[in-house]
Amino acid sequence: VGLLGPNPYGLYDMLGNVAEWTWDVYGPYPEGEVVDPTGAAAGPTRVARGGTFLNPRTRVRAANRAEYEPATRLRDLGLRPVRTLRQE
């Protein structure tokens, strides 16, 4: 844990343990090149990103996404609470 540096948001160790729930509703990406697409406006399933200890190394990346019903419970699916600290 913490062997590598943080990502641009200051978060460490973002990939490889569990896939992480995101705020995004699952849906097709928009046409053309986009940066940080947010997904569909509404729908029954949510996006989980990243890879897990159960995945091959080729799937352990932030671009890996899966769709799950919000009530889904899996041993390799979790979340990462993040809070912005006020700079004084």
Protein backbone atom coordinates (compact mmCIF):
# COMPACT_ATOMS: atom_id res chain seq x y z
CA VAL A 1 0.00 0.00 0.00
CA GLY A 2 1.31 3.44 -0.91
CA LEU A 3 4.36 2.14 -2.81
CA LEU A 4 3.51 4.19 -5.89
CA GLY A 5 2.82 7.91 -6.02
CA PRO A 6 -0.67 9.41 -6.00
CA ASN A 7 -2.73 9.99 -9.13
CA PRO A 8 -3.45 13.59 -10.28
CA TYR A 9 -6.27 13.81 -7.69
CA GLY A 10 -3.96 12.86 -4.82
CA LEU A 11 -5.43 9.36 -4.39
CA TYR A 12 -3.27 6.28 -3.86
CA ASP A 13 -3.71 2.63 -4.89
CA MET A 14 -6.79 3.10 -7.05
CA LEU A 15 -6.69 -0.22 -8.90
CA GLY A 16 -6.39 -3.91 -8.18
CA ASN A 17 -8.26 -4.63 -4.98
CA VAL A 18 -11.96 -4.24 -5.80
CA ALA A 19 -13.92 -2.64 -8.61
CA GLU A 20 -15.41 0.64 -7.44
CA TRP A 21 -18.92 1.96 -7.77
CA THR A 22 -19.16 5.27 -9.58
CA TRP A 23 -21.89 7.90 -9.69
CA ASP A 24 -22.51 7.24 -13.42
CA VAL A 25 -25.55 5.52 -14.88
CA TYR A 26 -24.47 2.81 -17.35
CA GLY A 27 -25.02 3.59 -21.01
CA PRO A 28 -23.20 3.92 -24.31
CA TYR A 29 -20.52 6.56 -24.64
CA PRO A 30 -21.29 9.57 -26.85
CA GLU A 31 -19.98 9.62 -30.40
CA GLY A 32 -16.58 11.15 -31.06
CA GLU A 33 -13.75 11.96 -28.70
CA VAL A 34 -14.75 12.98 -25.18
CA VAL A 35 -12.96 13.57 -21.88
CA ASP A 36 -14.49 12.11 -18.70
CA PRO A 37 -17.91 11.08 -20.09
CA THR A 38 -20.62 10.89 -17.44
CA GLY A 39 -22.78 8.15 -18.91
CA ALA A 40 -26.50 8.08 -19.53
CA ALA A 41 -28.90 10.59 -17.96
CA ALA A 42 -31.05 7.82 -16.45
CA GLY A 43 -31.28 4.05 -16.35
CA PRO A 44 -31.55 0.99 -14.11
CA THR A 45 -27.85 0.14 -13.79
CA ARG A 46 -24.71 1.88 -12.49
CA VAL A 47 -21.05 1.75 -13.53
CA ALA A 48 -18.28 0.02 -11.61
CA ARG A 49 -14.72 0.81 -12.70
CA GLY A 50 -11.28 -0.65 -12.34
CA GLY A 51 -10.17 -4.21 -11.95
CA THR A 52 -10.19 -6.62 -9.06
CA PHE A 53 -8.03 -9.30 -7.54
CA LEU A 54 -10.15 -11.79 -9.52
CA ASN A 55 -9.38 -10.21 -12.93
CA PRO A 56 -6.43 -10.85 -15.22
CA ARG A 57 -3.87 -7.99 -15.26
CA THR A 58 -5.13 -6.77 -18.64
CA ARG A 59 -8.47 -5.79 -17.04
CA VAL A 60 -7.01 -3.97 -14.03
CA ARG A 61 -7.25 -0.44 -15.41
CA ALA A 62 -9.47 2.59 -14.88
CA ALA A 63 -10.97 2.26 -18.36
CA ASN A 64 -12.42 -1.14 -17.45
CA ARG A 65 -16.12 -0.69 -16.68
CA ALA A 66 -19.00 -2.99 -15.86
CA GLU A 67 -22.70 -2.48 -15.20
CA TYR A 68 -24.56 -3.65 -12.14
CA GLU A 69 -27.96 -3.14 -10.57
CA PRO A 70 -27.60 -0.83 -7.53
CA ALA A 71 -28.50 -3.65 -5.09
CA THR A 72 -25.69 -5.90 -6.36
CA ARG A 73 -23.35 -7.24 -3.68
CA LEU A 74 -20.08 -8.93 -4.69
CA ARG A 75 -16.91 -9.72 -2.76
CA ASP A 76 -14.84 -7.74 -5.28
CA LEU A 77 -17.07 -4.67 -5.60
CA GLY A 78 -16.77 -1.70 -3.26
CA LEU A 79 -16.51 2.05 -3.06
CA ARG A 80 -13.95 4.66 -2.10
CA PRO A 81 -15.18 7.58 -0.03
CA VAL A 82 -13.26 10.71 -0.99
CA ARG A 83 -13.42 14.14 0.56
CA THR A 84 -11.83 17.38 -0.53
CA LEU A 85 -9.98 19.13 2.28
CA ARG A 86 -10.21 22.86 2.61
CA GLN A 87 -6.86 24.58 2.11
CA GLU A 88 -6.16 27.20 4.78
